[in-house]
N, C-alpha and C. Protein backbone atom coordinates (compact mmCIF):
# COMPACT_ATOMS: atom_id res chain seq x y z
N MET A 1 0.82 -1.12 -0.01
CA MET A 1 -0.01 -0.06 0.08
C MET A 1 1.00 1.26 -0.14
N SER A 2 0.67 2.14 -0.83
CA SER A 2 1.45 3.21 -1.09
C SER A 2 1.19 4.49 -0.03
N SER A 3 2.10 5.33 0.16
CA SER A 3 1.83 6.56 1.00
C SER A 3 0.62 7.20 0.72
N LYS A 4 0.31 7.54 -0.37
CA LYS A 4 -0.84 8.40 -0.96
C LYS A 4 -2.02 7.37 -0.31
N THR A 5 -2.25 6.18 -0.57
CA THR A 5 -3.30 5.52 -0.16
C THR A 5 -3.44 5.72 1.40
N LYS A 6 -2.39 5.75 2.10
CA LYS A 6 -2.51 5.95 3.69
C LYS A 6 -3.06 7.31 3.98
N LEU A 7 -2.70 8.42 2.87
CA LEU A 7 -3.01 9.82 3.24
C LEU A 7 -4.77 9.76 2.86
N GLU A 8 -5.06 9.26 1.90
CA GLU A 8 -6.31 9.13 1.63
C GLU A 8 -7.05 8.25 2.59
N GLU A 9 -6.68 7.23 3.12
CA GLU A 9 -7.40 6.61 4.29
C GLU A 9 -7.63 7.49 5.44
N ARG A 10 -6.48 8.25 5.67
CA ARG A 10 -6.69 9.02 6.72
C ARG A 10 -7.82 10.19 6.45
N LYS A 11 -7.69 10.71 5.50
CA LYS A 11 -8.91 11.55 4.96
C LYS A 11 -10.27 10.92 5.28
N ALA A 12 -10.62 9.82 4.73
CA ALA A 12 -11.58 9.25 5.01
C ALA A 12 -12.04 8.90 6.25
N LYS A 13 -10.99 8.26 7.17
CA LYS A 13 -11.41 8.48 8.77
C LYS A 13 -11.62 9.61 9.46
N ILE A 14 -11.01 10.70 8.88
CA ILE A 14 -11.36 12.06 9.50
C ILE A 14 -12.80 12.34 9.07
N LEU A 15 -13.01 12.27 7.71
CA LEU A 15 -14.46 12.44 7.42
C LEU A 15 -15.43 11.88 8.19
N MET A 16 -15.28 10.38 8.44
CA MET A 16 -16.14 9.64 9.15
C MET A 16 -16.26 10.13 10.58
N LYS A 17 -15.25 10.54 11.19
CA LYS A 17 -15.10 11.41 12.64
C LYS A 17 -16.12 12.65 12.53
N LEU A 18 -15.83 13.43 11.68
CA LEU A 18 -16.11 14.68 11.57
C LEU A 18 -17.74 14.63 11.53
N ARG A 19 -18.23 13.55 10.84
CA ARG A 19 -19.60 13.53 10.11
C ARG A 19 -20.42 12.60 11.21
N GLY A 20 -19.58 11.97 12.14
CA GLY A 20 -20.40 11.31 13.29
C GLY A 20 -20.81 9.66 12.77
N TYR A 21 -19.95 9.19 11.85
CA TYR A 21 -20.43 8.06 11.37
C TYR A 21 -19.68 6.96 11.93
N LYS A 22 -20.25 5.86 12.32
CA LYS A 22 -19.65 4.87 12.73
C LYS A 22 -19.24 3.62 11.86
N LEU A 23 -17.94 3.32 11.88
CA LEU A 23 -17.45 1.97 11.04
C LEU A 23 -17.77 0.69 11.52
N LEU A 24 -18.40 0.18 10.18
CA LEU A 24 -19.08 -1.07 10.63
C LEU A 24 -18.18 -2.20 9.93
N LYS A 25 -17.74 -1.84 8.77
CA LYS A 25 -16.90 -2.95 8.15
C LYS A 25 -15.72 -2.40 7.42
N SER A 26 -14.76 -3.13 7.20
CA SER A 26 -13.68 -2.44 6.15
C SER A 26 -12.90 -3.63 5.60
N GLU A 27 -12.96 -3.40 4.06
CA GLU A 27 -12.40 -4.58 3.51
C GLU A 27 -11.56 -4.14 2.22
N GLU A 28 -10.33 -4.67 1.94
CA GLU A 28 -9.42 -4.28 0.80
C GLU A 28 -9.97 -5.23 -0.37
N LEU A 29 -10.22 -4.59 -1.49
CA LEU A 29 -10.64 -4.88 -2.69
C LEU A 29 -9.30 -4.77 -3.63
N LYS A 30 -9.37 -4.93 -4.91
CA LYS A 30 -8.37 -5.04 -5.97
C LYS A 30 -7.45 -3.50 -5.61
N ASN A 31 -8.22 -2.38 -5.96
CA ASN A 31 -7.60 -1.32 -5.85
C ASN A 31 -8.42 -0.23 -5.20
N VAL A 32 -9.18 -0.72 -4.04
CA VAL A 32 -10.17 0.06 -3.41
C VAL A 32 -10.12 -0.36 -2.08
N ILE A 33 -10.16 0.49 -1.18
CA ILE A 33 -10.46 -0.09 0.25
C ILE A 33 -11.94 0.34 0.53
N ASN A 34 -12.69 -0.45 1.13
CA ASN A 34 -14.14 -0.42 1.06
C ASN A 34 -14.37 -0.10 2.61
N TYR A 35 -15.08 0.73 3.08
CA TYR A 35 -15.65 0.95 4.27
C TYR A 35 -17.04 1.23 4.35
N THR A 36 -17.77 0.22 4.97
CA THR A 36 -19.30 0.49 5.50
C THR A 36 -19.36 1.30 6.53
N VAL A 37 -20.04 2.12 6.98
CA VAL A 37 -20.44 2.97 8.04
C VAL A 37 -21.85 3.17 8.03
N LYS A 38 -22.11 3.47 9.21
CA LYS A 38 -23.47 3.86 9.55
C LYS A 38 -23.48 5.32 10.00
N MET A 39 -24.46 5.95 9.17
CA MET A 39 -24.60 7.63 9.36
C MET A 39 -25.51 7.98 10.57
N LYS A 40 -25.39 9.04 10.74
CA LYS A 40 -26.38 9.63 11.97
C LYS A 40 -27.72 9.15 11.97
N ASP A 41 -28.43 9.21 10.54
CA ASP A 41 -29.70 8.79 10.56
C ASP A 41 -30.01 7.35 10.47
N LYS A 42 -29.19 6.48 10.95
CA LYS A 42 -29.17 5.36 11.10
C LYS A 42 -28.91 4.41 9.69
N LYS A 43 -28.99 5.29 8.51
CA LYS A 43 -28.81 4.65 7.36
C LYS A 43 -27.22 4.40 6.92
N LYS A 44 -26.93 3.28 6.08
CA LYS A 44 -25.56 3.06 5.73
C LYS A 44 -24.93 3.57 4.68
N ALA A 45 -23.94 3.79 4.47
CA ALA A 45 -23.04 4.32 3.30
C ALA A 45 -21.81 3.60 3.15
N LEU A 46 -21.34 3.47 2.02
CA LEU A 46 -20.11 2.97 1.31
C LEU A 46 -19.05 3.93 1.23
N PHE A 47 -17.92 3.84 2.09
CA PHE A 47 -16.74 4.85 1.54
C PHE A 47 -15.85 3.93 0.73
N TRP A 48 -15.35 4.53 -0.48
CA TRP A 48 -14.46 3.93 -1.06
C TRP A 48 -13.07 4.76 -1.19
N VAL A 49 -11.89 4.38 -0.86
CA VAL A 49 -10.71 5.05 -0.81
C VAL A 49 -10.08 4.39 -2.20
N ILE A 50 -9.93 5.10 -3.17
CA ILE A 50 -9.36 4.54 -4.54
C ILE A 50 -7.78 5.03 -4.38
N SER A 51 -6.89 4.19 -4.83
CA SER A 51 -5.63 4.10 -4.92
C SER A 51 -4.93 4.71 -6.09
N THR A 52 -5.24 5.82 -6.72
CA THR A 52 -4.96 6.02 -7.99
C THR A 52 -4.54 7.63 -8.01
N GLU A 53 -3.54 7.90 -8.97
CA GLU A 53 -3.15 9.33 -9.14
C GLU A 53 -3.66 9.72 -10.26
N GLY A 54 -4.23 8.81 -11.06
CA GLY A 54 -4.90 9.26 -12.44
C GLY A 54 -6.26 9.64 -12.30
N THR A 55 -6.93 9.48 -13.52
CA THR A 55 -8.53 10.05 -13.57
C THR A 55 -9.34 9.02 -13.02
N VAL A 56 -10.35 9.40 -12.23
CA VAL A 56 -11.39 8.36 -11.62
C VAL A 56 -12.73 8.59 -12.49
N GLY A 57 -12.96 7.56 -13.20
CA GLY A 57 -14.12 7.71 -14.44
C GLY A 57 -15.09 7.42 -14.15
N VAL A 58 -16.06 7.06 -15.10
CA VAL A 58 -17.60 6.41 -14.67
C VAL A 58 -17.45 5.04 -14.60
N ALA A 59 -16.40 4.26 -14.78
CA ALA A 59 -16.27 2.86 -14.48
C ALA A 59 -16.34 2.75 -12.85
N TYR A 60 -15.66 3.40 -12.17
CA TYR A 60 -15.63 3.59 -10.67
C TYR A 60 -16.99 3.90 -10.13
N ILE A 61 -17.61 4.82 -10.92
CA ILE A 61 -19.00 5.12 -10.47
C ILE A 61 -19.93 4.19 -10.40
N THR A 62 -19.90 3.35 -11.39
CA THR A 62 -20.68 2.34 -12.06
C THR A 62 -20.57 0.99 -11.02
N GLN A 63 -19.06 0.83 -10.70
CA GLN A 63 -18.65 -0.32 -9.81
C GLN A 63 -19.18 0.12 -8.61
N LEU A 64 -19.06 1.25 -7.90
CA LEU A 64 -19.49 1.67 -6.52
C LEU A 64 -20.96 1.58 -6.52
N LYS A 65 -21.83 2.00 -7.51
CA LYS A 65 -23.24 1.85 -7.60
C LYS A 65 -23.60 0.56 -7.43
N LYS A 66 -23.14 -0.46 -8.22
CA LYS A 66 -23.36 -1.79 -8.11
C LYS A 66 -23.13 -2.33 -6.85
N ALA A 67 -22.05 -1.95 -6.26
CA ALA A 67 -21.83 -2.16 -4.83
C ALA A 67 -22.86 -1.73 -3.79
N MET A 68 -23.36 -0.40 -4.09
CA MET A 68 -24.32 0.10 -3.12
C MET A 68 -25.59 -0.79 -3.22
N ASP A 69 -26.03 -1.14 -4.53
CA ASP A 69 -27.19 -1.55 -4.83
C ASP A 69 -27.13 -3.17 -4.19
N GLU A 70 -26.01 -3.89 -4.13
CA GLU A 70 -25.94 -5.11 -3.59
C GLU A 70 -25.89 -5.14 -1.99
N ALA A 71 -25.35 -4.02 -1.38
CA ALA A 71 -25.40 -3.93 -0.01
C ALA A 71 -26.53 -3.21 0.52
N GLU A 72 -27.56 -2.72 -0.29
CA GLU A 72 -28.64 -2.14 -0.23
C GLU A 72 -28.45 -0.78 0.78
N VAL A 73 -27.64 -0.03 0.16
CA VAL A 73 -27.01 1.18 0.60
C VAL A 73 -27.42 2.39 -0.24
N GLU A 74 -27.85 3.52 0.09
CA GLU A 74 -28.28 4.82 -0.85
C GLU A 74 -27.25 5.67 -0.94
N THR A 75 -26.08 5.68 -0.10
CA THR A 75 -25.07 6.54 -0.23
C THR A 75 -23.80 6.30 -0.27
N GLY A 76 -23.08 6.64 -1.50
CA GLY A 76 -21.60 6.43 -1.62
C GLY A 76 -20.72 7.55 -1.65
N ILE A 77 -19.73 7.22 -1.38
CA ILE A 77 -18.57 8.39 -1.23
C ILE A 77 -17.20 7.95 -1.48
N ILE A 78 -16.74 8.79 -2.45
CA ILE A 78 -15.37 8.23 -3.01
C ILE A 78 -14.27 9.38 -2.45
N VAL A 79 -13.26 8.79 -2.19
CA VAL A 79 -12.11 9.74 -1.77
C VAL A 79 -10.83 9.06 -2.60
N THR A 80 -10.20 9.95 -3.20
CA THR A 80 -8.93 9.50 -3.94
C THR A 80 -8.10 10.87 -4.09
N ASN A 81 -6.87 10.47 -4.42
CA ASN A 81 -5.94 11.67 -4.73
C ASN A 81 -5.94 11.96 -6.20
N GLY A 82 -6.74 10.86 -7.12
CA GLY A 82 -6.79 11.27 -8.47
C GLY A 82 -7.62 12.54 -8.94
N LYS A 83 -7.97 12.72 -9.91
CA LYS A 83 -9.12 13.59 -10.52
C LYS A 83 -10.00 12.83 -10.66
N TYR A 84 -11.24 13.64 -10.97
CA TYR A 84 -12.72 13.04 -11.50
C TYR A 84 -12.76 13.49 -12.79
N SER A 85 -13.20 12.38 -13.62
CA SER A 85 -13.50 13.13 -15.15
C SER A 85 -14.89 13.58 -15.10
N PRO A 86 -15.18 14.72 -16.07
CA PRO A 86 -16.60 15.45 -15.95
C PRO A 86 -17.63 14.48 -15.77
N SER A 87 -17.80 13.46 -16.96
CA SER A 87 -18.72 12.79 -17.02
C SER A 87 -18.93 11.66 -15.59
N ALA A 88 -17.84 11.39 -14.96
CA ALA A 88 -17.74 10.89 -13.49
C ALA A 88 -18.76 11.73 -12.54
N LYS A 89 -18.46 12.94 -12.61
CA LYS A 89 -19.28 13.86 -11.89
C LYS A 89 -20.60 14.21 -12.00
N VAL A 90 -21.03 14.01 -13.29
CA VAL A 90 -22.39 13.95 -13.79
C VAL A 90 -22.99 12.65 -12.99
N ASN A 91 -22.32 11.58 -13.54
CA ASN A 91 -23.11 10.36 -13.14
C ASN A 91 -23.09 10.31 -11.70
N ALA A 92 -22.18 10.54 -10.76
CA ALA A 92 -21.96 10.61 -9.50
C ALA A 92 -23.18 11.06 -8.69
N LYS A 93 -23.36 12.33 -9.24
CA LYS A 93 -24.61 13.19 -8.76
C LYS A 93 -25.81 12.40 -8.88
N LYS A 94 -26.14 11.94 -10.04
CA LYS A 94 -27.26 11.33 -10.54
C LYS A 94 -27.58 9.93 -9.60
N LYS A 95 -26.40 9.41 -9.10
CA LYS A 95 -26.33 8.07 -8.54
C LYS A 95 -26.05 8.26 -7.07
N GLY A 96 -26.20 9.46 -6.54
CA GLY A 96 -26.15 9.47 -4.81
C GLY A 96 -24.81 9.49 -4.56
N ILE A 97 -23.79 9.48 -5.31
CA ILE A 97 -22.42 9.21 -4.84
C ILE A 97 -21.68 10.67 -4.63
N GLU A 98 -21.10 10.81 -3.55
CA GLU A 98 -20.49 11.88 -3.18
C GLU A 98 -18.84 12.09 -3.55
N LEU A 99 -18.29 12.77 -4.15
CA LEU A 99 -17.13 12.83 -4.73
C LEU A 99 -16.37 13.78 -3.78
N ILE A 100 -15.35 13.25 -2.92
CA ILE A 100 -14.43 14.27 -2.02
C ILE A 100 -13.31 14.69 -2.84
N PRO A 101 -13.24 16.19 -3.15
CA PRO A 101 -12.07 16.72 -3.86
C PRO A 101 -10.68 16.50 -3.15
N ARG A 102 -9.90 15.96 -4.04
CA ARG A 102 -8.37 15.89 -3.77
C ARG A 102 -7.76 16.98 -2.74
N THR A 103 -8.37 18.08 -2.92
CA THR A 103 -7.76 19.39 -2.42
C THR A 103 -8.10 19.37 -0.89
N LEU A 104 -9.22 18.68 -0.41
CA LEU A 104 -9.64 18.48 1.14
C LEU A 104 -8.56 18.01 1.90
N PRO A 105 -8.09 18.77 2.89
CA PRO A 105 -6.91 18.46 3.71
C PRO A 105 -7.00 17.17 4.55
N SER A 106 -5.99 16.38 4.75
CA SER A 106 -6.09 15.28 5.39
C SER A 106 -5.72 15.33 6.71
N PHE A 107 -6.40 16.28 7.55
CA PHE A 107 -6.19 16.62 8.92
C PHE A 107 -7.60 17.27 9.34
N ASN A 108 -7.81 17.27 10.47
CA ASN A 108 -9.03 17.90 10.98
C ASN A 108 -9.03 19.43 10.89
N ILE A 109 -9.64 20.13 9.99
CA ILE A 109 -9.53 21.45 9.83
C ILE A 109 -9.96 22.13 11.11
N PHE A 110 -11.27 21.45 11.78
CA PHE A 110 -11.44 22.44 12.98
C PHE A 110 -10.71 22.36 14.15
N ASP A 111 -9.48 21.73 14.07
CA ASP A 111 -8.40 21.92 15.11
C ASP A 111 -7.53 23.18 14.95
N HIS A 112 -7.86 23.77 13.75
CA HIS A 112 -7.03 24.96 13.49
C HIS A 112 -7.83 26.15 14.53
N GLU A 113 -7.40 27.33 14.99
CA GLU A 113 -7.78 28.21 15.87
C GLU A 113 -8.83 29.10 15.05
N PHE A 114 -8.38 29.17 13.68
CA PHE A 114 -9.18 30.39 12.82
C PHE A 114 -10.23 29.70 12.22
N VAL A 115 -10.67 28.45 12.06
CA VAL A 115 -11.66 27.45 11.75
C VAL A 115 -12.75 27.43 12.66
N PRO A 116 -13.67 28.17 12.74
CA PRO A 116 -14.93 27.96 13.53
C PRO A 116 -15.61 26.52 13.48
N LYS A 117 -16.45 26.37 14.33
CA LYS A 117 -17.25 25.05 14.51
C LYS A 117 -18.42 25.41 13.61
N HIS A 118 -18.84 24.29 12.77
CA HIS A 118 -19.78 24.29 11.87
C HIS A 118 -20.76 23.25 12.18
N GLU A 119 -22.06 23.36 12.20
CA GLU A 119 -22.95 22.45 12.47
C GLU A 119 -24.39 22.43 11.51
N ILE A 120 -24.72 21.52 10.89
CA ILE A 120 -26.05 21.34 10.12
C ILE A 120 -27.13 21.37 10.95
N LEU A 121 -27.98 22.20 10.84
CA LEU A 121 -29.24 22.42 11.47
C LEU A 121 -30.18 21.20 11.36
N MET A 122 -30.84 20.85 12.31
CA MET A 122 -31.99 19.73 11.93
C MET A 122 -33.43 20.35 11.67
N GLU A 123 -34.05 19.83 11.09
CA GLU A 123 -35.33 20.38 10.48
C GLU A 123 -36.05 21.02 11.23
N GLU A 124 -36.12 20.53 12.64
CA GLU A 124 -36.94 21.39 13.65
C GLU A 124 -36.18 22.91 13.79
N GLU A 125 -34.85 22.60 13.96
CA GLU A 125 -34.05 24.04 14.39
C GLU A 125 -34.13 24.78 13.23
N ARG A 126 -34.22 24.36 12.08
CA ARG A 126 -34.31 25.12 10.78
C ARG A 126 -35.66 25.74 10.86
N GLU A 127 -36.62 25.26 11.12
CA GLU A 127 -38.06 25.97 10.99
C GLU A 127 -38.27 26.87 12.06
N LYS A 128 -37.38 26.84 13.29
CA LYS A 128 -37.60 27.76 14.16
C LYS A 128 -37.00 29.11 13.94
N LEU A 129 -35.62 28.70 13.36
CA LEU A 129 -34.93 29.78 12.91
C LEU A 129 -35.49 30.70 12.03
N LEU A 130 -36.02 30.07 10.68
CA LEU A 130 -36.65 30.67 9.75
C LEU A 130 -37.90 31.28 10.53
N ALA A 131 -38.69 30.97 11.16
CA ALA A 131 -39.90 31.69 11.76
C ALA A 131 -39.46 32.55 12.59
N LYS A 132 -38.42 32.49 13.49
CA LYS A 132 -38.05 33.86 14.33
C LYS A 132 -37.42 34.96 13.52
N TYR A 133 -36.65 34.65 12.57
CA TYR A 133 -36.29 36.02 11.57
C TYR A 133 -37.19 36.23 10.60
N LYS A 134 -38.31 35.30 10.38
CA LYS A 134 -39.27 35.77 9.25
C LYS A 134 -38.37 35.85 8.02
N VAL A 135 -37.67 35.03 7.69
CA VAL A 135 -36.94 34.90 6.45
C VAL A 135 -36.97 33.50 5.66
N GLN A 136 -36.78 33.70 4.47
CA GLN A 136 -36.45 32.48 3.61
C GLN A 136 -35.11 31.88 3.57
N PRO A 137 -34.81 30.64 3.65
CA PRO A 137 -33.38 30.33 3.52
C PRO A 137 -32.48 31.01 2.49
N TYR A 138 -32.99 31.15 1.33
CA TYR A 138 -31.97 31.98 0.47
C TYR A 138 -31.91 33.50 0.85
N GLN A 139 -32.55 33.88 2.09
CA GLN A 139 -32.18 35.19 2.40
C GLN A 139 -31.05 35.24 3.26
N LEU A 140 -30.53 34.18 3.81
CA LEU A 140 -29.41 34.19 4.65
C LEU A 140 -28.14 34.17 3.78
N PRO A 141 -27.05 34.66 4.54
CA PRO A 141 -25.76 34.83 3.99
C PRO A 141 -25.41 33.25 3.43
N GLU A 142 -24.60 33.31 2.13
CA GLU A 142 -24.52 31.81 1.67
C GLU A 142 -23.03 31.41 2.07
N ILE A 143 -22.95 30.17 1.84
CA ILE A 143 -21.73 29.42 1.79
C ILE A 143 -21.62 28.30 1.00
N ARG A 144 -20.32 28.29 0.07
CA ARG A 144 -20.64 27.12 -1.06
C ARG A 144 -20.48 25.66 -0.38
N ALA A 145 -21.25 24.78 -1.11
CA ALA A 145 -21.06 23.41 -0.79
C ALA A 145 -19.58 23.01 -1.11
N SER A 146 -18.83 23.54 -2.06
CA SER A 146 -17.33 23.29 -1.98
C SER A 146 -16.55 23.76 -0.92
N ASP A 147 -16.91 24.61 -0.07
CA ASP A 147 -16.03 24.99 1.24
C ASP A 147 -15.44 23.81 1.79
N PRO A 148 -14.25 23.84 2.16
CA PRO A 148 -13.98 22.52 3.03
C PRO A 148 -14.71 22.29 4.19
N ALA A 149 -15.01 23.23 5.19
CA ALA A 149 -15.73 22.80 6.20
C ALA A 149 -17.19 22.10 5.85
N ILE A 150 -17.88 22.72 4.85
CA ILE A 150 -18.97 22.09 4.42
C ILE A 150 -18.84 20.64 3.81
N ILE A 151 -17.94 20.45 3.16
CA ILE A 151 -17.64 19.10 2.84
C ILE A 151 -17.36 18.28 4.21
N ALA A 152 -16.44 18.61 4.88
CA ALA A 152 -16.05 18.00 6.00
C ALA A 152 -17.46 17.56 6.85
N ILE A 153 -18.19 18.34 7.09
CA ILE A 153 -19.60 17.91 7.89
C ILE A 153 -20.62 17.27 7.31
N GLY A 154 -20.43 17.30 5.82
CA GLY A 154 -21.21 16.49 5.16
C GLY A 154 -22.52 17.52 4.54
N ALA A 155 -22.57 18.91 4.89
CA ALA A 155 -23.56 19.50 4.37
C ALA A 155 -24.00 19.39 3.15
N LYS A 156 -25.09 19.38 2.49
CA LYS A 156 -25.42 19.61 1.18
C LYS A 156 -26.18 21.08 0.63
N ALA A 157 -26.34 21.26 -0.58
CA ALA A 157 -26.82 22.41 -0.87
C ALA A 157 -28.32 22.41 -0.44
N GLY A 158 -28.69 23.53 0.17
CA GLY A 158 -30.11 23.84 0.78
C GLY A 158 -30.27 23.52 2.11
N ASP A 159 -29.01 23.06 2.65
CA ASP A 159 -28.93 23.11 4.25
C ASP A 159 -28.54 24.14 4.64
N ILE A 160 -29.15 24.40 5.93
CA ILE A 160 -28.57 25.69 7.01
C ILE A 160 -27.32 25.21 7.78
N VAL A 161 -26.41 26.00 7.76
CA VAL A 161 -25.21 25.60 8.91
C VAL A 161 -25.16 26.61 9.96
N ARG A 162 -25.05 26.25 11.24
CA ARG A 162 -24.91 27.15 12.14
C ARG A 162 -23.26 27.08 12.48
N VAL A 163 -22.84 28.39 12.22
CA VAL A 163 -21.28 28.58 12.53
C VAL A 163 -20.92 29.34 13.85
N ILE A 164 -20.50 28.79 14.68
CA ILE A 164 -19.93 29.38 16.04
C ILE A 164 -18.61 29.58 16.43
N ARG A 165 -18.36 30.96 16.38
CA ARG A 165 -17.03 31.44 16.58
C ARG A 165 -16.75 31.94 17.87
N LYS A 166 -15.68 31.80 18.31
CA LYS A 166 -15.05 32.60 19.62
C LYS A 166 -14.78 33.98 19.48
N SER A 167 -15.31 34.87 20.11
CA SER A 167 -15.50 36.31 20.24
C SER A 167 -14.72 36.82 21.39
N PRO A 168 -13.70 37.62 21.19
CA PRO A 168 -13.03 38.31 22.49
C PRO A 168 -14.24 39.42 23.30
N THR A 169 -15.06 39.68 22.48
CA THR A 169 -15.94 40.64 23.38
C THR A 169 -17.27 39.91 23.78
N ALA A 170 -17.80 38.97 22.82
CA ALA A 170 -19.12 38.54 23.12
C ALA A 170 -18.97 36.92 23.75
N GLY A 171 -17.76 36.75 23.64
CA GLY A 171 -17.46 35.35 23.97
C GLY A 171 -17.67 34.06 23.15
N LYS A 172 -18.91 34.19 22.50
CA LYS A 172 -19.48 33.28 21.42
C LYS A 172 -20.19 33.95 20.49
N TYR A 173 -20.00 33.91 19.12
CA TYR A 173 -20.94 34.48 18.20
C TYR A 173 -21.33 33.56 17.24
N VAL A 174 -22.72 33.39 17.19
CA VAL A 174 -23.29 32.72 16.24
C VAL A 174 -23.89 33.09 15.02
N ALA A 175 -23.45 32.68 13.77
CA ALA A 175 -24.10 32.70 12.72
C ALA A 175 -24.60 31.74 11.93
N TYR A 176 -25.58 32.11 10.65
CA TYR A 176 -26.15 31.04 10.02
C TYR A 176 -25.78 31.19 8.65
N ARG A 177 -25.50 30.18 8.07
CA ARG A 177 -25.26 30.11 6.52
C ARG A 177 -26.37 29.24 5.89
N TYR A 178 -26.53 29.48 4.59
CA TYR A 178 -27.30 28.71 3.72
C TYR A 178 -26.43 28.16 2.82
N VAL A 179 -26.40 26.68 2.69
CA VAL A 179 -25.49 26.19 1.49
C VAL A 179 -25.87 26.03 0.06
N VAL A 180 -25.01 26.62 -0.61
CA VAL A 180 -25.60 26.71 -2.29
C VAL A 180 -24.56 25.95 -2.90
N GLU A 181 -24.90 25.58 -4.32
CA GLU A 181 -23.88 24.76 -5.01
C GLU A 181 -22.67 25.60 -5.54
N GLY A 182 -21.65 24.88 -5.66
CA GLY A 182 -20.62 25.48 -6.00
C GLY A 182 -19.27 25.05 -5.43
């Protein structure tokens, strides 16, 4: 196993920890490390760590979708050091597969003093917030789905995220962001 694969494995394990996923099973396949995890909502997901520096194409997406169907899992996640082909990106989105960009750091970004805590609001919290301020989600300040903190916590476009910053004057400052594509 190469050091690149170890780096991608570390990324996958950090993502699992940050998202609150519980590891159920780990197995090494031909050029893929397969992790089966339980998500917070009790559903299962397949994490694939692909050991390639080349391009991850539609073939990997098709393979993962087949494995997801066999395992009766709705969510798939691919972590690789390679690039994704444009057609793989389109296919992944259609099939419920999340592609983790290779630029995502292989350490816990929330350990840095300048990165505030981010939390995805639950449905009831979301409704209370919108009612309290009498706003629609799109009226909140935006944050892109491609932001490393958003990827790390697993937020999707349409989610509302609570950002908790330490403040020298207020002690703690809470802001809300609406996650948008991009």
